[in-house]
Every structure is written in structure tokens, then in C-alpha cells.
Amino acid sequence: AWRTGLLRAAAAVVLLGVGIGVGRWSVRGAVDEAMDSMATSMASTQHYAHLNQAQDVQRVTDTMPDGHVATLTWSRDMSMTALTLPAAMKESASGRSLQVWLKEGDTTTSLGVYDPRDGAGFSFLDVMPKPGQQIVITMEPAGGSAQPTTPPLVTLRVSEDAGRSGAATGSPSPASSAAPTGDSA
């Protein structure tokens, strides 16, 4: 009987030790994951800050009828391009997606769904704008679509002037953009 009691006590000690070890490992894993996520978002924010301070930074803006401003910012020297859209546009998506398109002549190519990480308010794009191109944002079904299905909410036109260091250009009159009401489908 005393051996059974001793074995039970030993088993309890082993289980307690394993439980504490697993708990510490789980907590450590969660903390490490949180730290990695924070470092990634901070790195993204730092890259965005460096982009905006680049010697050759270029910007194109579009002011929507509601007064909100969308901005495309890029630097050839840094090989970076970022898109900043008003938070009101993201909020108006209501289960749909804001999709980013590159339009060059008659060709329209998806650059993906606008996805600012961790509420950063900007998203990096995998494109280096050239004169004559347009970056267009439309409201699409959740997850995006193969081609634009709604009129543009934002049109950012890259002009010849944007090719020169420090030049900032805007799109034509705000009437060319639709208000981001979230009603179009």
C-alpha cells in the first residue's frame, strides 16, 4: 500500500513538473509571438517613415468629394511604394474589399486587396509607379475580384511631373472619384 502511495505521489510530482514546464513554454511562446508581431508592425512603420523622408520621395494624391485624401508615395532609391487611404473608406467596406489596381492604357492589373497591417493606415504595394500609369481603388466583393466591377473610388494618376524629385501631383477634379459610401456593388 505504501508503494502505491509513493508511486502516486511521484506521478503527481512528475505531472506537476510537466504542467509547470508546459505552462511556462506556452506563456513564453505567446509572449515571443506578441513581441515578433510588435517588431514586425514597428519595422513596417519605420520603413514607411523612411520612405516619406527619402530624398527622391514622390507623391500623388486624390481628394474625394467628401474631403478625404488618398496618397500614393514612392521612392525609386528605396524601391518602396505605399498607399494611404482614409480610415473612413476601410470602415465603409462592410464585408467587402477595397481592391487596388494598376491601370496602364487599356490594361488593368490587380495589385491586391488594400490591407493596412495592424491599423497602420497604409499598405505597401509591389509596384514602382511610372508616368502615364494610374493606381485605382474600387469596392469589390470580399477577397477581391479578377477585374474591377465598380466605378473607381480613387484614381491616382502618375504624371510626367511626378518623375522629377520632389514633385507632387494630383488627379483631376474631385468629381472624377466616387464617394466611398459602401453602396456600390
N, C-alpha and C. Protein backbone atom coordinates (compact mmCIF):
# COMPACT_ATOMS: atom_id res chain seq x y z
N ALA A 1 0.82 -1.20 0.00
CA ALA A 1 0.00 0.00 0.00
C ALA A 1 0.87 1.26 0.00
N TRP A 2 1.97 1.19 0.81
CA TRP A 2 2.81 2.39 0.85
C TRP A 2 3.52 2.61 -0.48
N ARG A 3 3.83 1.51 -1.23
CA ARG A 3 4.45 1.66 -2.56
C ARG A 3 3.48 2.35 -3.53
N THR A 4 2.23 1.95 -3.47
CA THR A 4 1.21 2.56 -4.34
C THR A 4 1.09 4.05 -4.02
N GLY A 5 1.08 4.37 -2.74
CA GLY A 5 1.01 5.78 -2.33
C GLY A 5 2.23 6.55 -2.79
N LEU A 6 3.41 5.93 -2.68
CA LEU A 6 4.65 6.57 -3.11
C LEU A 6 4.67 6.77 -4.62
N LEU A 7 4.22 5.76 -5.36
CA LEU A 7 4.15 5.88 -6.82
C LEU A 7 3.17 6.97 -7.24
N ARG A 8 2.03 7.06 -6.55
CA ARG A 8 1.05 8.11 -6.86
C ARG A 8 1.64 9.49 -6.56
N ALA A 9 2.34 9.61 -5.46
CA ALA A 9 2.96 10.89 -5.11
C ALA A 9 4.03 11.26 -6.14
N ALA A 10 4.83 10.29 -6.57
CA ALA A 10 5.87 10.54 -7.58
C ALA A 10 5.24 10.95 -8.90
N ALA A 11 4.17 10.25 -9.27
CA ALA A 11 3.47 10.58 -10.53
C ALA A 11 2.89 11.99 -10.45
N ALA A 12 2.35 12.36 -9.31
CA ALA A 12 1.79 13.71 -9.13
C ALA A 12 2.88 14.76 -9.27
N VAL A 13 4.06 14.49 -8.69
CA VAL A 13 5.17 15.43 -8.79
C VAL A 13 5.61 15.57 -10.25
N VAL A 14 5.71 14.45 -10.96
CA VAL A 14 6.10 14.48 -12.39
C VAL A 14 5.07 15.26 -13.19
N LEU A 15 3.79 14.97 -12.98
CA LEU A 15 2.74 15.69 -13.71
C LEU A 15 2.75 17.19 -13.39
N LEU A 16 2.96 17.52 -12.14
CA LEU A 16 3.05 18.92 -11.74
C LEU A 16 4.22 19.60 -12.46
N GLY A 17 5.37 18.93 -12.47
CA GLY A 17 6.55 19.48 -13.13
C GLY A 17 6.32 19.66 -14.63
N VAL A 18 5.71 18.67 -15.26
CA VAL A 18 5.41 18.77 -16.70
C VAL A 18 4.42 19.90 -16.93
N GLY A 19 3.40 19.98 -16.10
CA GLY A 19 2.39 21.05 -16.25
C GLY A 19 3.00 22.43 -16.13
N ILE A 20 3.89 22.60 -15.16
CA ILE A 20 4.55 23.90 -14.99
C ILE A 20 5.42 24.20 -16.20
N GLY A 21 6.14 23.19 -16.68
CA GLY A 21 7.01 23.37 -17.85
C GLY A 21 6.22 23.74 -19.09
N VAL A 22 5.11 23.03 -19.31
CA VAL A 22 4.27 23.33 -20.47
C VAL A 22 3.67 24.72 -20.33
N GLY A 23 3.22 25.05 -19.13
CA GLY A 23 2.64 26.39 -18.92
C GLY A 23 3.65 27.48 -19.19
N ARG A 24 4.86 27.31 -18.70
CA ARG A 24 5.91 28.30 -18.93
C ARG A 24 6.23 28.39 -20.42
N TRP A 25 6.27 27.23 -21.09
CA TRP A 25 6.57 27.19 -22.51
C TRP A 25 5.46 27.89 -23.30
N SER A 26 4.19 27.62 -22.92
CA SER A 26 3.06 28.24 -23.61
C SER A 26 3.06 29.75 -23.42
N VAL A 27 3.28 30.20 -22.20
CA VAL A 27 3.32 31.64 -21.93
C VAL A 27 4.49 32.27 -22.67
N ARG A 28 5.64 31.62 -22.62
CA ARG A 28 6.82 32.15 -23.30
C ARG A 28 6.55 32.23 -24.81
N GLY A 29 5.88 31.21 -25.37
CA GLY A 29 5.55 31.21 -26.79
C GLY A 29 4.61 32.36 -27.14
N ALA A 30 3.62 32.59 -26.29
CA ALA A 30 2.67 33.69 -26.54
C ALA A 30 3.37 35.04 -26.46
N VAL A 31 4.25 35.19 -25.47
CA VAL A 31 4.99 36.44 -25.33
C VAL A 31 5.91 36.64 -26.54
N ASP A 32 6.62 35.58 -26.95
CA ASP A 32 7.51 35.68 -28.12
C ASP A 32 6.72 36.05 -29.37
N GLU A 33 5.55 35.44 -29.55
CA GLU A 33 4.71 35.73 -30.71
C GLU A 33 4.25 37.19 -30.69
N ALA A 34 3.84 37.68 -29.53
CA ALA A 34 3.41 39.07 -29.41
C ALA A 34 4.57 40.03 -29.71
N MET A 35 5.75 39.70 -29.21
CA MET A 35 6.92 40.54 -29.46
C MET A 35 7.29 40.55 -30.94
N ASP A 36 7.22 39.39 -31.60
CA ASP A 36 7.50 39.32 -33.03
C ASP A 36 6.51 40.15 -33.82
N SER A 37 5.23 40.06 -33.46
CA SER A 37 4.20 40.84 -34.15
C SER A 37 4.43 42.33 -33.97
N MET A 38 4.77 42.74 -32.75
CA MET A 38 5.03 44.15 -32.48
C MET A 38 6.26 44.63 -33.25
N ALA A 39 7.30 43.82 -33.30
CA ALA A 39 8.52 44.19 -34.03
C ALA A 39 8.23 44.32 -35.52
N THR A 40 7.41 43.43 -36.06
CA THR A 40 7.06 43.49 -37.48
C THR A 40 6.28 44.77 -37.79
N SER A 41 5.28 45.10 -36.96
CA SER A 41 4.50 46.30 -37.21
C SER A 41 5.34 47.55 -37.02
N MET A 42 6.26 47.53 -36.05
CA MET A 42 7.15 48.68 -35.85
C MET A 42 8.10 48.82 -37.02
N ALA A 43 8.60 47.70 -37.54
CA ALA A 43 9.50 47.75 -38.69
C ALA A 43 8.78 48.33 -39.89
N SER A 44 7.54 47.92 -40.09
CA SER A 44 6.74 48.44 -41.20
C SER A 44 6.54 49.95 -41.06
N THR A 45 6.24 50.40 -39.86
CA THR A 45 6.06 51.83 -39.61
C THR A 45 7.36 52.58 -39.82
N GLN A 46 8.47 52.00 -39.41
CA GLN A 46 9.78 52.64 -39.62
C GLN A 46 10.11 52.72 -41.10
N HIS A 47 9.80 51.66 -41.86
CA HIS A 47 10.04 51.70 -43.31
C HIS A 47 9.20 52.80 -43.96
N TYR A 48 7.96 52.92 -43.50
CA TYR A 48 7.07 53.96 -44.04
C TYR A 48 7.62 55.36 -43.72
N ALA A 49 8.12 55.54 -42.51
CA ALA A 49 8.70 56.83 -42.12
C ALA A 49 9.93 57.13 -42.97
N HIS A 50 10.78 56.13 -43.19
CA HIS A 50 11.98 56.33 -44.03
C HIS A 50 11.57 56.66 -45.46
N LEU A 51 10.54 55.98 -45.96
CA LEU A 51 10.05 56.27 -47.32
C LEU A 51 9.66 57.73 -47.44
N ASN A 52 8.92 58.24 -46.46
CA ASN A 52 8.45 59.62 -46.51
C ASN A 52 9.58 60.64 -46.34
N GLN A 53 10.74 60.20 -45.86
CA GLN A 53 11.88 61.09 -45.69
C GLN A 53 12.93 60.93 -46.80
N ALA A 54 12.67 60.05 -47.75
CA ALA A 54 13.64 59.79 -48.82
C ALA A 54 13.89 61.05 -49.64
N GLN A 55 15.11 61.21 -50.12
CA GLN A 55 15.47 62.37 -50.91
C GLN A 55 14.67 62.44 -52.21
N ASP A 56 14.31 61.29 -52.78
CA ASP A 56 13.60 61.27 -54.06
C ASP A 56 12.12 60.94 -53.91
N VAL A 57 11.55 61.16 -52.73
CA VAL A 57 10.16 60.80 -52.49
C VAL A 57 9.23 61.51 -53.49
N GLN A 58 8.26 60.76 -53.98
CA GLN A 58 7.24 61.28 -54.90
C GLN A 58 5.87 60.98 -54.30
N ARG A 59 4.91 61.86 -54.58
CA ARG A 59 3.55 61.66 -54.08
C ARG A 59 2.54 62.06 -55.14
N VAL A 60 1.46 61.32 -55.16
CA VAL A 60 0.30 61.65 -55.98
C VAL A 60 -0.90 61.53 -55.04
N THR A 61 -1.78 62.52 -55.08
CA THR A 61 -2.95 62.50 -54.20
C THR A 61 -4.24 62.61 -55.00
N ASP A 62 -5.32 62.19 -54.38
CA ASP A 62 -6.66 62.36 -54.93
C ASP A 62 -7.56 62.77 -53.77
N THR A 63 -8.19 63.93 -53.91
CA THR A 63 -9.13 64.40 -52.90
C THR A 63 -10.53 63.98 -53.34
N MET A 64 -11.19 63.22 -52.50
CA MET A 64 -12.52 62.73 -52.81
C MET A 64 -13.56 63.79 -52.49
N PRO A 65 -14.76 63.66 -53.04
CA PRO A 65 -15.80 64.66 -52.80
C PRO A 65 -16.08 64.92 -51.32
N ASP A 66 -15.88 63.91 -50.47
CA ASP A 66 -16.14 64.10 -49.05
C ASP A 66 -14.98 64.78 -48.33
N GLY A 67 -13.91 65.14 -49.07
CA GLY A 67 -12.79 65.85 -48.50
C GLY A 67 -11.63 64.97 -48.05
N HIS A 68 -11.84 63.65 -47.99
CA HIS A 68 -10.76 62.74 -47.62
C HIS A 68 -9.72 62.68 -48.74
N VAL A 69 -8.48 62.42 -48.35
CA VAL A 69 -7.37 62.39 -49.31
C VAL A 69 -6.72 61.01 -49.31
N ALA A 70 -6.53 60.48 -50.51
CA ALA A 70 -5.78 59.24 -50.70
C ALA A 70 -4.41 59.63 -51.25
N THR A 71 -3.35 58.93 -50.84
CA THR A 71 -2.00 59.29 -51.25
C THR A 71 -1.20 58.06 -51.67
N LEU A 72 -0.52 58.18 -52.79
CA LEU A 72 0.44 57.18 -53.25
C LEU A 72 1.81 57.81 -53.07
N THR A 73 2.69 57.14 -52.33
CA THR A 73 4.02 57.66 -52.02
C THR A 73 5.04 56.62 -52.47
N TRP A 74 6.11 57.06 -53.15
CA TRP A 74 7.14 56.10 -53.57
C TRP A 74 8.51 56.73 -53.64
N SER A 75 9.51 55.86 -53.62
CA SER A 75 10.91 56.25 -53.75
C SER A 75 11.60 55.20 -54.60
N ARG A 76 12.16 55.63 -55.72
CA ARG A 76 12.91 54.69 -56.56
C ARG A 76 14.18 54.25 -55.85
N ASP A 77 14.85 55.19 -55.17
CA ASP A 77 16.10 54.85 -54.47
C ASP A 77 15.86 53.77 -53.40
N MET A 78 14.72 53.82 -52.74
CA MET A 78 14.41 52.85 -51.68
C MET A 78 13.65 51.63 -52.21
N SER A 79 13.22 51.71 -53.47
CA SER A 79 12.42 50.63 -54.09
C SER A 79 11.18 50.33 -53.24
N MET A 80 10.48 51.39 -52.84
CA MET A 80 9.29 51.24 -51.99
C MET A 80 8.15 52.10 -52.52
N THR A 81 6.94 51.56 -52.40
CA THR A 81 5.73 52.29 -52.75
C THR A 81 4.68 51.98 -51.68
N ALA A 82 4.00 53.02 -51.21
CA ALA A 82 2.96 52.83 -50.19
C ALA A 82 1.70 53.58 -50.60
N LEU A 83 0.57 53.01 -50.23
CA LEU A 83 -0.74 53.61 -50.49
C LEU A 83 -1.38 53.91 -49.14
N THR A 84 -1.87 55.15 -48.99
CA THR A 84 -2.57 55.55 -47.78
C THR A 84 -3.99 55.95 -48.17
N LEU A 85 -4.95 55.27 -47.56
CA LEU A 85 -6.36 55.59 -47.80
C LEU A 85 -6.99 56.02 -46.49
N PRO A 86 -8.01 56.86 -46.57
CA PRO A 86 -8.69 57.31 -45.35
C PRO A 86 -9.33 56.13 -44.61
N ALA A 87 -9.31 56.18 -43.30
CA ALA A 87 -9.91 55.12 -42.48
C ALA A 87 -11.39 54.97 -42.80
N ALA A 88 -12.05 56.06 -43.17
CA ALA A 88 -13.49 56.01 -43.49
C ALA A 88 -13.76 55.08 -44.67
N MET A 89 -12.82 54.99 -45.60
CA MET A 89 -13.00 54.08 -46.74
C MET A 89 -12.97 52.63 -46.28
N LYS A 90 -12.01 52.30 -45.44
CA LYS A 90 -11.90 50.93 -44.93
C LYS A 90 -13.14 50.57 -44.12
N GLU A 91 -13.60 51.50 -43.31
CA GLU A 91 -14.78 51.26 -42.48
C GLU A 91 -16.04 51.09 -43.32
N SER A 92 -16.11 51.76 -44.47
CA SER A 92 -17.30 51.69 -45.31
C SER A 92 -17.35 50.41 -46.14
N ALA A 93 -16.30 49.61 -46.11
CA ALA A 93 -16.26 48.39 -46.92
C ALA A 93 -17.33 47.39 -46.50
N SER A 94 -17.72 47.34 -45.25
CA SER A 94 -18.82 46.49 -44.76
C SER A 94 -18.80 45.08 -45.35
N GLY A 95 -17.76 44.33 -45.09
CA GLY A 95 -17.71 42.95 -45.57
C GLY A 95 -17.22 42.81 -46.99
N ARG A 96 -16.92 43.91 -47.64
CA ARG A 96 -16.36 43.86 -48.99
C ARG A 96 -14.90 44.29 -48.91
N SER A 97 -14.24 44.31 -50.04
CA SER A 97 -12.81 44.63 -50.06
C SER A 97 -12.53 45.86 -50.93
N LEU A 98 -11.58 46.65 -50.46
CA LEU A 98 -11.05 47.73 -51.28
C LEU A 98 -9.91 47.11 -52.09
N GLN A 99 -10.05 47.06 -53.41
CA GLN A 99 -9.04 46.43 -54.24
C GLN A 99 -8.26 47.49 -55.01
N VAL A 100 -6.94 47.27 -55.10
CA VAL A 100 -6.03 48.20 -55.73
C VAL A 100 -5.67 47.66 -57.11
N TRP A 101 -5.73 48.55 -58.12
CA TRP A 101 -5.46 48.16 -59.50
C TRP A 101 -4.40 49.06 -60.10
N LEU A 102 -3.60 48.51 -60.98
CA LEU A 102 -2.66 49.28 -61.79
C LEU A 102 -3.26 49.35 -63.18
N LYS A 103 -3.49 50.57 -63.64
CA LYS A 103 -4.07 50.76 -64.96
C LYS A 103 -3.03 51.45 -65.83
N GLU A 104 -2.73 50.82 -66.96
CA GLU A 104 -1.77 51.38 -67.92
C GLU A 104 -2.37 51.19 -69.29
N GLY A 105 -2.80 52.30 -69.89
CA GLY A 105 -3.51 52.21 -71.17
C GLY A 105 -4.81 51.46 -70.99
N ASP A 106 -5.02 50.41 -71.80
CA ASP A 106 -6.23 49.60 -71.71
C ASP A 106 -6.06 48.39 -70.80
N THR A 107 -4.89 48.23 -70.19
CA THR A 107 -4.60 47.07 -69.35
C THR A 107 -4.80 47.41 -67.88
N THR A 108 -5.57 46.58 -67.18
CA THR A 108 -5.81 46.75 -65.76
C THR A 108 -5.35 45.48 -65.04
N THR A 109 -4.46 45.65 -64.07
CA THR A 109 -3.88 44.52 -63.33
C THR A 109 -4.14 44.72 -61.84
N SER A 110 -4.58 43.66 -61.17
CA SER A 110 -4.81 43.74 -59.73
C SER A 110 -3.48 43.78 -58.98
N LEU A 111 -3.39 44.69 -58.03
CA LEU A 111 -2.25 44.75 -57.12
C LEU A 111 -2.62 44.15 -55.76
N GLY A 112 -3.84 43.65 -55.66
CA GLY A 112 -4.29 43.01 -54.43
C GLY A 112 -5.31 43.85 -53.68
N VAL A 113 -5.69 43.34 -52.54
CA VAL A 113 -6.66 43.99 -51.68
C VAL A 113 -5.91 44.91 -50.73
N TYR A 114 -6.44 46.11 -50.54
CA TYR A 114 -5.82 47.06 -49.61
C TYR A 114 -5.90 46.48 -48.21
N ASP A 115 -4.74 46.32 -47.59
CA ASP A 115 -4.68 45.65 -46.30
C ASP A 115 -3.66 46.33 -45.39
N PRO A 116 -4.03 47.46 -44.78
CA PRO A 116 -3.09 48.07 -43.85
C PRO A 116 -2.93 47.16 -42.63
N ARG A 117 -1.71 46.85 -42.29
CA ARG A 117 -1.42 45.94 -41.18
C ARG A 117 -1.60 46.64 -39.84
N ASP A 118 -2.31 46.00 -38.94
CA ASP A 118 -2.46 46.47 -37.56
C ASP A 118 -2.90 47.92 -37.46
N GLY A 119 -3.80 48.34 -38.34
CA GLY A 119 -4.33 49.69 -38.27
C GLY A 119 -3.32 50.77 -38.61
N ALA A 120 -2.27 50.41 -39.34
CA ALA A 120 -1.21 51.36 -39.66
C ALA A 120 -1.71 52.50 -40.54
N GLY A 121 -2.76 52.27 -41.33
CA GLY A 121 -3.28 53.32 -42.20
C GLY A 121 -2.62 53.38 -43.55
N PHE A 122 -1.68 52.49 -43.82
CA PHE A 122 -1.02 52.44 -45.12
C PHE A 122 -0.76 50.99 -45.47
N SER A 123 -0.52 50.76 -46.75
CA SER A 123 -0.19 49.43 -47.23
C SER A 123 0.89 49.56 -48.29
N PHE A 124 1.91 48.72 -48.21
CA PHE A 124 2.95 48.74 -49.23
C PHE A 124 2.46 48.02 -50.48
N LEU A 125 2.83 48.55 -51.64
CA LEU A 125 2.45 47.96 -52.92
C LEU A 125 3.69 47.43 -53.63
N ASP A 126 3.49 46.39 -54.40
CA ASP A 126 4.59 45.78 -55.15
C ASP A 126 4.59 46.34 -56.57
N VAL A 127 4.83 47.65 -56.67
CA VAL A 127 4.89 48.32 -57.95
C VAL A 127 5.71 49.60 -57.80
N MET A 128 6.39 49.99 -58.86
CA MET A 128 7.10 51.26 -58.88
C MET A 128 6.40 52.11 -59.95
N PRO A 129 5.64 53.13 -59.54
CA PRO A 129 4.84 53.92 -60.47
C PRO A 129 5.69 54.59 -61.56
N LYS A 130 5.09 54.66 -62.75
CA LYS A 130 5.73 55.31 -63.91
C LYS A 130 4.74 56.31 -64.50
N PRO A 131 5.26 57.35 -65.13
CA PRO A 131 4.36 58.32 -65.78
C PRO A 131 3.40 57.62 -66.74
N GLY A 132 2.15 58.06 -66.70
CA GLY A 132 1.12 57.50 -67.57
C GLY A 132 0.31 56.41 -66.88
N GLN A 133 0.79 55.87 -65.77
CA GLN A 133 0.05 54.84 -65.06
C GLN A 133 -0.95 55.48 -64.10
N GLN A 134 -1.93 54.67 -63.71
CA GLN A 134 -2.90 55.08 -62.71
C GLN A 134 -3.02 53.97 -61.67
N ILE A 135 -3.14 54.36 -60.42
CA ILE A 135 -3.48 53.42 -59.36
C ILE A 135 -4.94 53.71 -59.03
N VAL A 136 -5.77 52.70 -59.16
CA VAL A 136 -7.22 52.85 -59.00
C VAL A 136 -7.67 51.95 -57.85
N ILE A 137 -8.58 52.45 -57.04
CA ILE A 137 -9.15 51.68 -55.94
C ILE A 137 -10.64 51.54 -56.18
N THR A 138 -11.13 50.30 -56.11
CA THR A 138 -12.55 50.02 -56.28
C THR A 138 -13.06 49.22 -55.08
N MET A 139 -14.38 49.20 -54.93
CA MET A 139 -15.02 48.38 -53.90
C MET A 139 -15.43 47.08 -54.57
N GLU A 140 -14.90 45.96 -54.08
CA GLU A 140 -15.15 44.67 -54.70
C GLU A 140 -15.73 43.69 -53.68
N PRO A 141 -16.22 42.54 -54.16
CA PRO A 141 -16.68 41.52 -53.21
C PRO A 141 -15.55 41.12 -52.27
N ALA A 142 -15.89 40.61 -51.10
CA ALA A 142 -14.87 40.21 -50.11
C ALA A 142 -13.82 39.32 -50.77
N GLY A 143 -12.56 39.66 -50.56
CA GLY A 143 -11.46 38.90 -51.14
C GLY A 143 -11.00 39.41 -52.48
N GLY A 144 -11.76 40.31 -53.11
CA GLY A 144 -11.36 40.88 -54.38
C GLY A 144 -11.99 40.17 -55.57
N SER A 145 -11.66 40.66 -56.76
CA SER A 145 -12.19 40.08 -57.99
C SER A 145 -11.11 40.10 -59.07
N ALA A 146 -11.39 39.42 -60.18
CA ALA A 146 -10.41 39.31 -61.27
C ALA A 146 -10.30 40.62 -62.06
N GLN A 147 -11.38 41.36 -62.15
CA GLN A 147 -11.41 42.65 -62.85
C GLN A 147 -12.28 43.60 -62.03
N PRO A 148 -12.09 44.92 -62.17
CA PRO A 148 -12.94 45.86 -61.44
C PRO A 148 -14.42 45.67 -61.80
N THR A 149 -15.28 45.69 -60.78
CA THR A 149 -16.71 45.52 -61.00
C THR A 149 -17.50 46.76 -60.62
N THR A 150 -16.82 47.78 -60.07
CA THR A 150 -17.49 49.01 -59.67
C THR A 150 -16.69 50.20 -60.18
N PRO A 151 -17.31 51.38 -60.23
CA PRO A 151 -16.55 52.58 -60.61
C PRO A 151 -15.46 52.88 -59.58
N PRO A 152 -14.37 53.51 -60.01
CA PRO A 152 -13.28 53.84 -59.07
C PRO A 152 -13.74 54.77 -57.95
N LEU A 153 -13.28 54.45 -56.75
CA LEU A 153 -13.47 55.35 -55.61
C LEU A 153 -12.35 56.38 -55.59
N VAL A 154 -11.17 55.94 -56.03
CA VAL A 154 -9.96 56.78 -56.04
C VAL A 154 -9.21 56.48 -57.33
N THR A 155 -8.70 57.54 -57.96
CA THR A 155 -7.81 57.40 -59.11
C THR A 155 -6.59 58.27 -58.87
N LEU A 156 -5.44 57.63 -58.76
CA LEU A 156 -4.18 58.35 -58.55
C LEU A 156 -3.40 58.28 -59.86
N ARG A 157 -3.26 59.42 -60.53
CA ARG A 157 -2.60 59.47 -61.83
C ARG A 157 -1.14 59.90 -61.68
N VAL A 158 -0.25 59.10 -62.23
CA VAL A 158 1.17 59.42 -62.18
C VAL A 158 1.49 60.20 -63.45
N SER A 159 1.89 61.46 -63.28
CA SER A 159 2.18 62.32 -64.43
C SER A 159 3.68 62.39 -64.69
N GLU A 160 4.03 63.03 -65.78
CA GLU A 160 5.45 63.24 -66.11
C GLU A 160 6.14 64.03 -65.00
N ASP A 161 5.42 64.98 -64.40
CA ASP A 161 6.00 65.79 -63.32
C ASP A 161 6.40 64.95 -62.12
N ALA A 162 5.68 63.85 -61.88
CA ALA A 162 5.98 63.02 -60.72
C ALA A 162 7.32 62.31 -60.87
N GLY A 163 7.85 62.26 -62.07
CA GLY A 163 9.14 61.61 -62.29
C GLY A 163 10.30 62.44 -61.78
N ARG A 164 10.08 63.73 -61.52
CA ARG A 164 11.15 64.59 -61.02
C ARG A 164 11.14 64.62 -59.50
N SER A 165 12.30 64.65 -58.92
CA SER A 165 12.43 64.61 -57.46
C SER A 165 11.66 65.74 -56.81
N GLY A 166 10.85 65.37 -55.81
CA GLY A 166 10.14 66.35 -55.02
C GLY A 166 8.82 66.80 -55.61
N ALA A 167 8.50 66.39 -56.83
CA ALA A 167 7.26 66.85 -57.46
C ALA A 167 6.06 66.14 -56.84
N ALA A 168 5.02 66.88 -56.61
CA ALA A 168 3.78 66.30 -56.12
C ALA A 168 2.69 66.67 -57.10
N THR A 169 1.93 65.68 -57.54
CA THR A 169 0.87 65.95 -58.50
C THR A 169 -0.43 65.42 -57.95
N GLY A 170 -1.49 65.95 -58.44
CA GLY A 170 -2.80 65.47 -58.02
C GLY A 170 -3.59 64.99 -59.20
N SER A 171 -4.65 64.27 -58.92
CA SER A 171 -5.51 63.83 -60.00
C SER A 171 -6.40 65.00 -60.38
N PRO A 172 -7.10 64.88 -61.51
CA PRO A 172 -8.00 65.96 -61.91
C PRO A 172 -9.09 66.19 -60.86
N SER A 173 -10.04 66.99 -61.18
CA SER A 173 -11.06 67.41 -60.24
C SER A 173 -11.63 66.27 -59.41
N PRO A 174 -11.99 66.56 -58.16
CA PRO A 174 -12.55 65.53 -57.28
C PRO A 174 -13.78 64.85 -57.86
N ALA A 175 -14.46 65.46 -58.81
CA ALA A 175 -15.65 64.86 -59.38
C ALA A 175 -15.34 63.55 -60.09
N SER A 176 -14.06 63.31 -60.43
CA SER A 176 -13.71 62.07 -61.12
C SER A 176 -13.72 60.88 -60.19
N SER A 177 -13.82 61.10 -58.89
CA SER A 177 -13.86 59.99 -57.93
C SER A 177 -15.23 59.91 -57.30
N ALA A 178 -15.64 58.69 -57.02
CA ALA A 178 -16.92 58.48 -56.35
C ALA A 178 -16.69 58.50 -54.85
N ALA A 179 -17.69 58.95 -54.11
CA ALA A 179 -17.58 58.95 -52.65
C ALA A 179 -17.59 57.52 -52.13
N PRO A 180 -16.75 57.22 -51.14
CA PRO A 180 -16.69 55.86 -50.61
C PRO A 180 -17.85 55.58 -49.66
N THR A 181 -19.04 55.38 -50.24
CA THR A 181 -20.21 55.19 -49.40
C THR A 181 -20.43 53.75 -49.01
N GLY A 182 -19.81 52.83 -49.76
CA GLY A 182 -20.02 51.42 -49.47
C GLY A 182 -21.31 50.90 -50.07
N ASP A 183 -22.00 51.70 -50.90
CA ASP A 183 -23.27 51.29 -51.50
C ASP A 183 -23.08 50.62 -52.85
N SER A 184 -21.97 50.83 -53.51
CA SER A 184 -21.81 50.30 -54.85
C SER A 184 -21.54 48.79 -54.81
N ALA A 185 -22.08 48.10 -55.76
CA ALA A 185 -21.84 46.66 -55.86
C ALA A 185 -22.05 46.22 -57.28
